[in-house]
Structure formats: structure tokens, C-alpha cells
Amino acid sequence: MRVALAGSALALITGCGPTPVEPGPTAGVSLPPAGGSQSPPPEAPQPSALIGTWQGVVSGFLPSTVQTVTWRFDPDGACLQTFLSITDSIENSSDRPCTWTASSTTVTVTYAGVGTGVTFSLQYSFPSPDVLRLDADEFARVG
């Protein structure tokens, strides 16, 4: 009886046969889109919490200097850093165009004409969702 049971189980197992396995994609080879020849959807934009305009005041090196730094992060990965320095009632402004990428803990900014990016530690929602901290500098959402 043991043999018959084992034989029945063996017949049941061998009767099913192996399940065919579809070959997986090979790295570097793009697959055609499913459902026809439509192009794939564009990649999702960068983290939406960072998109917008942020402004902060940075203490100056001289007692009579105040510097405002404004960051603008666009959904397409473009950014702009603007400095406005006021020393003894004289204003000086400069813009630094850039591009950006972000993770949940960092933002990397690459300035136009510079080959390597600068990575800042990124903190949102401290103390509120309208406050951004890049390294030790704090910025308020203004747009």
C-alpha cells in the first residue's frame, strides 16, 4: 500500500509537468510597449514637495551686510539660485542657473558651466511643510 500511494503521488507530480517560464528582459535591451506601438509615458517629475520658490536670509560676513538667498525648483529639473546682498544700503544681485535631482534625504544641484554637482542634505516639514532646510540653512516657501 505504501508503494501504491507513493506511485500515485509520483504520477500526479509527473503528470503536471514543469510550468513554462517566460524569458526575462536582458539589461540594456528595451522592450516594446505593451498594447501596440505607443511610446512609453514620460518619467515622473522630481519630488513635488521641493518644487516651488524658497527664500531665506543668510547673515553676512560684515555687520552691515544682509544677504537674501532665493531658490526656485522647477518640475522639469531646472533651478535658479538668486543672491541679493545689501551692504550700507547698496544692493547687489546675482543669479546662478542650475539643474537639480533629489532623493528623500538629499538634493544635488549642478550649476551651469560647472561639471560636478553640490549635494545638500534635505529636510522638509521642519517645523512645518512650508519650511525647507538645505544643510544648516532654512528657507520659507514664498511660491
N, C-alpha and C. Protein backbone atom coordinates (compact mmCIF):
# COMPACT_ATOMS: atom_id res chain seq x y z
N MET A 1 0.81 -1.17 0.00
CA MET A 1 0.00 0.00 0.00
C MET A 1 0.87 1.26 0.00
N ARG A 2 1.94 1.21 0.68
CA ARG A 2 2.85 2.36 0.69
C ARG A 2 3.37 2.63 -0.70
N VAL A 3 3.69 1.59 -1.40
CA VAL A 3 4.23 1.75 -2.73
C VAL A 3 3.19 2.33 -3.67
N ALA A 4 1.96 1.88 -3.56
CA ALA A 4 0.89 2.36 -4.42
C ALA A 4 0.63 3.85 -4.17
N LEU A 5 0.65 4.24 -2.90
CA LEU A 5 0.43 5.65 -2.57
C LEU A 5 1.57 6.50 -3.10
N ALA A 6 2.77 6.01 -2.93
CA ALA A 6 3.91 6.75 -3.43
C ALA A 6 3.87 6.80 -4.94
N GLY A 7 3.48 5.72 -5.57
CA GLY A 7 3.38 5.71 -7.02
C GLY A 7 2.32 6.66 -7.52
N SER A 8 1.18 6.76 -6.82
CA SER A 8 0.11 7.67 -7.20
C SER A 8 0.56 9.11 -7.07
N ALA A 9 1.26 9.39 -5.98
CA ALA A 9 1.76 10.74 -5.79
C ALA A 9 2.78 11.10 -6.85
N LEU A 10 3.62 10.13 -7.21
CA LEU A 10 4.61 10.36 -8.24
C LEU A 10 3.95 10.59 -9.58
N ALA A 11 2.92 9.84 -9.89
CA ALA A 11 2.19 10.01 -11.14
C ALA A 11 1.51 11.36 -11.20
N LEU A 12 0.97 11.79 -10.06
CA LEU A 12 0.31 13.08 -10.00
C LEU A 12 1.32 14.20 -10.24
N ILE A 13 2.48 14.09 -9.65
CA ILE A 13 3.51 15.13 -9.80
C ILE A 13 4.04 15.14 -11.22
N THR A 14 4.36 13.98 -11.77
CA THR A 14 4.92 13.96 -13.12
C THR A 14 3.87 14.27 -14.16
N GLY A 15 2.60 14.05 -13.86
CA GLY A 15 1.54 14.36 -14.82
C GLY A 15 1.37 15.85 -15.02
N CYS A 16 1.70 16.63 -14.04
CA CYS A 16 1.54 18.08 -14.15
C CYS A 16 2.61 18.68 -15.05
N GLY A 17 3.80 18.18 -14.97
CA GLY A 17 4.89 18.69 -15.79
C GLY A 17 5.35 20.05 -15.31
N PRO A 18 6.49 20.49 -15.76
CA PRO A 18 7.01 21.80 -15.33
C PRO A 18 6.22 22.94 -15.97
N THR A 19 6.11 24.04 -15.25
CA THR A 19 5.45 25.23 -15.77
C THR A 19 6.43 25.98 -16.66
N PRO A 20 6.02 26.33 -17.89
CA PRO A 20 6.95 27.06 -18.75
C PRO A 20 7.27 28.43 -18.16
N VAL A 21 8.50 28.85 -18.29
CA VAL A 21 8.96 30.13 -17.76
C VAL A 21 9.26 31.05 -18.94
N GLU A 22 8.66 32.25 -18.87
CA GLU A 22 8.92 33.25 -19.90
C GLU A 22 10.32 33.82 -19.70
N PRO A 23 11.08 34.04 -20.75
CA PRO A 23 12.40 34.64 -20.56
C PRO A 23 12.26 36.06 -20.06
N GLY A 24 13.11 36.45 -19.12
CA GLY A 24 13.08 37.80 -18.57
C GLY A 24 13.83 38.76 -19.47
N PRO A 25 13.60 40.08 -19.27
CA PRO A 25 14.31 41.06 -20.08
C PRO A 25 15.80 41.05 -19.77
N THR A 26 16.58 41.38 -20.74
CA THR A 26 18.03 41.47 -20.58
C THR A 26 18.38 42.92 -20.33
N ALA A 27 19.27 43.17 -19.41
CA ALA A 27 19.66 44.54 -19.09
C ALA A 27 20.16 45.24 -20.33
N GLY A 28 19.73 46.47 -20.51
CA GLY A 28 20.19 47.26 -21.65
C GLY A 28 19.37 47.06 -22.91
N VAL A 29 18.44 46.11 -22.91
CA VAL A 29 17.60 45.88 -24.08
C VAL A 29 16.22 46.42 -23.76
N SER A 30 15.75 47.36 -24.56
CA SER A 30 14.43 47.92 -24.30
C SER A 30 13.37 47.02 -24.90
N LEU A 31 12.28 46.88 -24.19
CA LEU A 31 11.17 46.06 -24.65
C LEU A 31 10.15 46.94 -25.34
N PRO A 32 9.42 46.41 -26.31
CA PRO A 32 8.38 47.21 -26.94
C PRO A 32 7.26 47.47 -25.94
N PRO A 33 6.57 48.59 -26.05
CA PRO A 33 5.50 48.88 -25.11
C PRO A 33 4.36 47.88 -25.27
N ALA A 34 3.71 47.58 -24.16
CA ALA A 34 2.59 46.64 -24.20
C ALA A 34 1.40 47.29 -24.89
N GLY A 35 0.68 46.51 -25.66
CA GLY A 35 -0.55 47.00 -26.28
C GLY A 35 -0.34 47.79 -27.55
N GLY A 36 0.76 47.66 -28.23
CA GLY A 36 0.90 48.35 -29.51
C GLY A 36 2.17 49.15 -29.60
N SER A 37 2.15 50.11 -30.49
CA SER A 37 3.37 50.87 -30.77
C SER A 37 3.34 52.25 -30.13
N GLN A 38 2.56 52.43 -29.07
CA GLN A 38 2.53 53.72 -28.40
C GLN A 38 3.84 53.93 -27.66
N SER A 39 4.26 55.20 -27.55
CA SER A 39 5.50 55.49 -26.84
C SER A 39 5.25 55.39 -25.34
N PRO A 40 6.29 55.04 -24.55
CA PRO A 40 6.11 54.92 -23.11
C PRO A 40 5.81 56.28 -22.49
N PRO A 41 5.13 56.31 -21.33
CA PRO A 41 4.84 57.59 -20.69
C PRO A 41 6.12 58.24 -20.20
N PRO A 42 6.14 59.58 -20.12
CA PRO A 42 7.35 60.26 -19.62
C PRO A 42 7.59 59.91 -18.17
N GLU A 43 8.85 60.07 -17.75
CA GLU A 43 9.21 59.78 -16.37
C GLU A 43 8.50 60.75 -15.44
N ALA A 44 8.23 60.30 -14.24
CA ALA A 44 7.56 61.14 -13.25
C ALA A 44 8.47 62.30 -12.87
N PRO A 45 7.89 63.47 -12.58
CA PRO A 45 8.71 64.61 -12.18
C PRO A 45 9.35 64.36 -10.83
N GLN A 46 10.28 65.24 -10.49
CA GLN A 46 11.00 65.15 -9.22
C GLN A 46 10.04 65.34 -8.05
N PRO A 47 10.48 65.09 -6.82
CA PRO A 47 9.61 65.19 -5.65
C PRO A 47 8.87 66.53 -5.60
N SER A 48 7.54 66.46 -5.56
CA SER A 48 6.73 67.67 -5.65
C SER A 48 6.87 68.59 -4.43
N ALA A 49 7.27 68.07 -3.30
CA ALA A 49 7.40 68.92 -2.11
C ALA A 49 8.49 69.97 -2.28
N LEU A 50 9.47 69.71 -3.11
CA LEU A 50 10.57 70.65 -3.31
C LEU A 50 10.24 71.71 -4.37
N ILE A 51 9.35 71.39 -5.28
CA ILE A 51 9.03 72.30 -6.38
C ILE A 51 8.39 73.57 -5.83
N GLY A 52 8.92 74.70 -6.27
CA GLY A 52 8.42 75.99 -5.82
C GLY A 52 9.57 76.95 -5.58
N THR A 53 9.26 78.05 -4.91
CA THR A 53 10.26 79.08 -4.63
C THR A 53 10.43 79.18 -3.11
N TRP A 54 11.68 79.21 -2.69
CA TRP A 54 12.04 79.24 -1.28
C TRP A 54 12.98 80.40 -1.03
N GLN A 55 12.82 81.10 0.09
CA GLN A 55 13.67 82.25 0.38
C GLN A 55 14.15 82.21 1.82
N GLY A 56 15.40 82.60 2.01
CA GLY A 56 15.98 82.66 3.34
C GLY A 56 16.95 83.81 3.46
N VAL A 57 17.22 84.22 4.67
CA VAL A 57 18.18 85.29 4.94
C VAL A 57 19.41 84.64 5.55
N VAL A 58 20.56 84.95 4.96
CA VAL A 58 21.84 84.43 5.44
C VAL A 58 22.59 85.59 6.06
N SER A 59 23.08 85.42 7.27
CA SER A 59 23.81 86.50 7.91
C SER A 59 25.09 86.79 7.12
N GLY A 60 25.40 88.07 7.01
CA GLY A 60 26.56 88.49 6.23
C GLY A 60 27.86 88.37 6.99
N PHE A 61 28.93 88.51 6.23
CA PHE A 61 30.26 88.47 6.83
C PHE A 61 30.59 89.78 7.53
N LEU A 62 30.00 90.84 7.06
CA LEU A 62 30.23 92.15 7.66
C LEU A 62 28.98 92.53 8.46
N PRO A 63 29.12 93.30 9.51
CA PRO A 63 27.96 93.65 10.33
C PRO A 63 26.87 94.40 9.57
N SER A 64 27.22 95.11 8.52
CA SER A 64 26.22 95.91 7.80
C SER A 64 25.72 95.21 6.53
N THR A 65 25.96 93.90 6.38
CA THR A 65 25.55 93.18 5.18
C THR A 65 24.44 92.18 5.51
N VAL A 66 23.41 92.21 4.69
CA VAL A 66 22.33 91.23 4.77
C VAL A 66 22.23 90.58 3.40
N GLN A 67 22.13 89.26 3.38
CA GLN A 67 22.03 88.55 2.11
C GLN A 67 20.78 87.68 2.11
N THR A 68 19.96 87.84 1.08
CA THR A 68 18.79 87.00 0.88
C THR A 68 19.12 86.01 -0.22
N VAL A 69 18.82 84.73 0.05
CA VAL A 69 19.04 83.68 -0.94
C VAL A 69 17.67 83.12 -1.31
N THR A 70 17.41 83.06 -2.61
CA THR A 70 16.16 82.51 -3.10
C THR A 70 16.47 81.33 -4.02
N TRP A 71 15.80 80.21 -3.78
CA TRP A 71 15.90 79.03 -4.64
C TRP A 71 14.57 78.85 -5.36
N ARG A 72 14.63 78.58 -6.65
CA ARG A 72 13.44 78.20 -7.41
C ARG A 72 13.70 76.82 -8.01
N PHE A 73 12.88 75.83 -7.66
CA PHE A 73 12.98 74.48 -8.18
C PHE A 73 11.79 74.23 -9.09
N ASP A 74 12.06 73.98 -10.38
CA ASP A 74 11.01 73.74 -11.36
C ASP A 74 10.77 72.24 -11.53
N PRO A 75 9.56 71.85 -11.95
CA PRO A 75 9.24 70.42 -12.12
C PRO A 75 10.10 69.72 -13.17
N ASP A 76 10.63 70.47 -14.14
CA ASP A 76 11.41 69.85 -15.22
C ASP A 76 12.88 69.63 -14.83
N GLY A 77 13.26 69.92 -13.58
CA GLY A 77 14.63 69.71 -13.14
C GLY A 77 15.51 70.94 -13.25
N ALA A 78 14.96 72.07 -13.72
CA ALA A 78 15.72 73.31 -13.77
C ALA A 78 15.60 74.01 -12.41
N CYS A 79 16.61 74.80 -12.08
CA CYS A 79 16.54 75.57 -10.84
C CYS A 79 17.30 76.89 -11.04
N LEU A 80 17.08 77.79 -10.11
CA LEU A 80 17.75 79.08 -10.12
C LEU A 80 18.01 79.48 -8.68
N GLN A 81 19.25 79.86 -8.40
CA GLN A 81 19.61 80.37 -7.09
C GLN A 81 19.93 81.85 -7.27
N THR A 82 19.24 82.70 -6.50
CA THR A 82 19.42 84.14 -6.61
C THR A 82 19.92 84.69 -5.28
N PHE A 83 20.95 85.51 -5.35
CA PHE A 83 21.51 86.17 -4.18
C PHE A 83 21.20 87.65 -4.28
N LEU A 84 20.71 88.24 -3.19
CA LEU A 84 20.54 89.68 -3.10
C LEU A 84 21.26 90.12 -1.84
N SER A 85 22.35 90.87 -2.04
CA SER A 85 23.15 91.36 -0.91
C SER A 85 22.91 92.85 -0.76
N ILE A 86 22.72 93.28 0.47
CA ILE A 86 22.55 94.70 0.76
C ILE A 86 23.61 95.08 1.78
N THR A 87 24.51 95.97 1.35
CA THR A 87 25.58 96.45 2.22
C THR A 87 25.53 97.97 2.22
N ASP A 88 25.34 98.55 3.40
CA ASP A 88 25.26 100.01 3.53
C ASP A 88 24.29 100.60 2.51
N SER A 89 23.11 100.00 2.39
CA SER A 89 22.01 100.44 1.51
C SER A 89 22.33 100.26 0.02
N ILE A 90 23.37 99.56 -0.33
CA ILE A 90 23.71 99.29 -1.74
C ILE A 90 23.36 97.84 -2.04
N GLU A 91 22.49 97.64 -3.06
CA GLU A 91 22.05 96.30 -3.42
C GLU A 91 22.91 95.71 -4.53
N ASN A 92 23.21 94.45 -4.42
CA ASN A 92 23.94 93.71 -5.44
C ASN A 92 23.22 92.37 -5.60
N SER A 93 22.83 92.05 -6.84
CA SER A 93 22.08 90.83 -7.10
C SER A 93 22.81 89.95 -8.12
N SER A 94 22.72 88.63 -7.92
CA SER A 94 23.30 87.71 -8.91
C SER A 94 22.46 86.44 -8.96
N ASP A 95 22.39 85.86 -10.16
CA ASP A 95 21.64 84.63 -10.39
C ASP A 95 22.59 83.51 -10.78
N ARG A 96 22.28 82.29 -10.34
CA ARG A 96 23.05 81.10 -10.70
C ARG A 96 22.08 80.06 -11.25
N PRO A 97 21.95 79.94 -12.58
CA PRO A 97 21.09 78.89 -13.15
C PRO A 97 21.67 77.52 -12.85
N CYS A 98 20.79 76.54 -12.69
CA CYS A 98 21.24 75.21 -12.32
C CYS A 98 20.21 74.15 -12.71
N THR A 99 20.56 72.91 -12.50
CA THR A 99 19.63 71.79 -12.61
C THR A 99 19.68 71.04 -11.28
N TRP A 100 18.64 70.23 -11.02
CA TRP A 100 18.58 69.54 -9.74
C TRP A 100 18.00 68.15 -9.88
N THR A 101 18.42 67.28 -8.96
CA THR A 101 17.81 65.96 -8.76
C THR A 101 17.72 65.79 -7.26
N ALA A 102 16.76 64.98 -6.81
CA ALA A 102 16.57 64.83 -5.37
C ALA A 102 16.22 63.40 -5.02
N SER A 103 16.57 63.04 -3.80
CA SER A 103 16.12 61.80 -3.19
C SER A 103 15.31 62.22 -1.97
N SER A 104 14.96 61.30 -1.13
CA SER A 104 14.20 61.67 0.06
C SER A 104 15.05 62.38 1.11
N THR A 105 16.38 62.30 0.99
CA THR A 105 17.25 62.91 2.01
C THR A 105 18.26 63.90 1.47
N THR A 106 18.40 64.01 0.13
CA THR A 106 19.38 64.94 -0.43
C THR A 106 18.83 65.61 -1.69
N VAL A 107 19.40 66.74 -2.01
CA VAL A 107 19.17 67.38 -3.31
C VAL A 107 20.54 67.71 -3.88
N THR A 108 20.76 67.34 -5.15
CA THR A 108 22.02 67.63 -5.81
C THR A 108 21.76 68.71 -6.85
N VAL A 109 22.52 69.79 -6.75
CA VAL A 109 22.40 70.94 -7.64
C VAL A 109 23.66 71.01 -8.48
N THR A 110 23.47 71.12 -9.80
CA THR A 110 24.60 71.30 -10.71
C THR A 110 24.43 72.66 -11.38
N TYR A 111 25.39 73.54 -11.12
CA TYR A 111 25.33 74.90 -11.67
C TYR A 111 25.77 74.89 -13.13
N ALA A 112 25.16 75.76 -13.94
CA ALA A 112 25.50 75.88 -15.35
C ALA A 112 26.99 76.20 -15.48
N GLY A 113 27.67 75.47 -16.35
CA GLY A 113 29.09 75.69 -16.58
C GLY A 113 30.01 74.98 -15.61
N VAL A 114 29.44 74.27 -14.65
CA VAL A 114 30.25 73.54 -13.67
C VAL A 114 29.97 72.05 -13.86
N GLY A 115 31.00 71.23 -13.92
CA GLY A 115 30.83 69.82 -14.23
C GLY A 115 30.28 68.95 -13.12
N THR A 116 30.54 69.28 -11.87
CA THR A 116 30.09 68.42 -10.79
C THR A 116 29.03 69.12 -9.96
N GLY A 117 28.16 68.32 -9.36
CA GLY A 117 27.08 68.86 -8.57
C GLY A 117 27.47 69.04 -7.11
N VAL A 118 26.67 69.82 -6.41
CA VAL A 118 26.81 70.03 -4.97
C VAL A 118 25.61 69.35 -4.32
N THR A 119 25.86 68.49 -3.35
CA THR A 119 24.77 67.78 -2.68
C THR A 119 24.52 68.37 -1.31
N PHE A 120 23.26 68.71 -1.07
CA PHE A 120 22.82 69.26 0.21
C PHE A 120 21.97 68.20 0.92
N SER A 121 22.08 68.14 2.25
CA SER A 121 21.13 67.29 2.98
C SER A 121 19.80 68.03 2.94
N LEU A 122 18.74 67.27 2.79
CA LEU A 122 17.42 67.84 2.52
C LEU A 122 16.48 67.47 3.65
N GLN A 123 15.83 68.47 4.21
CA GLN A 123 14.87 68.23 5.28
C GLN A 123 13.60 69.04 5.00
N TYR A 124 12.47 68.35 4.93
CA TYR A 124 11.17 69.00 4.77
C TYR A 124 10.44 68.99 6.10
N SER A 125 9.39 69.77 6.16
CA SER A 125 8.43 69.72 7.26
C SER A 125 9.06 69.95 8.63
N PHE A 126 10.04 70.80 8.69
CA PHE A 126 10.60 71.12 9.99
C PHE A 126 10.77 72.62 10.08
N PRO A 127 10.05 73.30 10.86
CA PRO A 127 8.99 72.82 11.74
C PRO A 127 7.62 72.71 11.07
N SER A 128 7.49 73.09 9.80
CA SER A 128 6.21 72.98 9.10
C SER A 128 6.47 72.61 7.64
N PRO A 129 5.43 72.23 6.87
CA PRO A 129 5.65 71.86 5.47
C PRO A 129 6.14 73.02 4.59
N ASP A 130 6.01 74.24 5.09
CA ASP A 130 6.44 75.40 4.30
C ASP A 130 7.84 75.85 4.66
N VAL A 131 8.61 74.97 5.29
CA VAL A 131 10.00 75.27 5.65
C VAL A 131 10.89 74.21 5.02
N LEU A 132 11.94 74.65 4.37
CA LEU A 132 12.91 73.76 3.75
C LEU A 132 14.26 74.00 4.40
N ARG A 133 14.94 72.93 4.75
CA ARG A 133 16.29 73.07 5.29
C ARG A 133 17.25 72.38 4.34
N LEU A 134 18.20 73.13 3.80
CA LEU A 134 19.29 72.61 2.99
C LEU A 134 20.55 72.74 3.84
N ASP A 135 21.08 71.62 4.26
CA ASP A 135 22.17 71.60 5.23
C ASP A 135 21.70 72.42 6.46
N ALA A 136 22.42 73.45 6.84
CA ALA A 136 22.05 74.22 8.03
C ALA A 136 21.21 75.45 7.71
N ASP A 137 20.97 75.74 6.41
CA ASP A 137 20.23 76.94 6.02
C ASP A 137 18.74 76.63 5.94
N GLU A 138 17.92 77.57 6.44
CA GLU A 138 16.47 77.41 6.46
C GLU A 138 15.83 78.39 5.49
N PHE A 139 14.85 77.89 4.72
CA PHE A 139 14.16 78.69 3.71
C PHE A 139 12.66 78.54 3.90
N ALA A 140 11.93 79.64 3.69
CA ALA A 140 10.48 79.62 3.77
C ALA A 140 9.91 79.58 2.34
N ARG A 141 8.81 78.85 2.17
CA ARG A 141 8.16 78.81 0.86
C ARG A 141 7.53 80.16 0.59
N VAL A 142 7.85 80.72 -0.58
CA VAL A 142 7.28 82.01 -1.00
C VAL A 142 6.52 81.87 -2.32
N GLY A 143 6.51 80.71 -2.87
CA GLY A 143 5.78 80.49 -4.13
C GLY A 143 5.78 79.06 -4.55
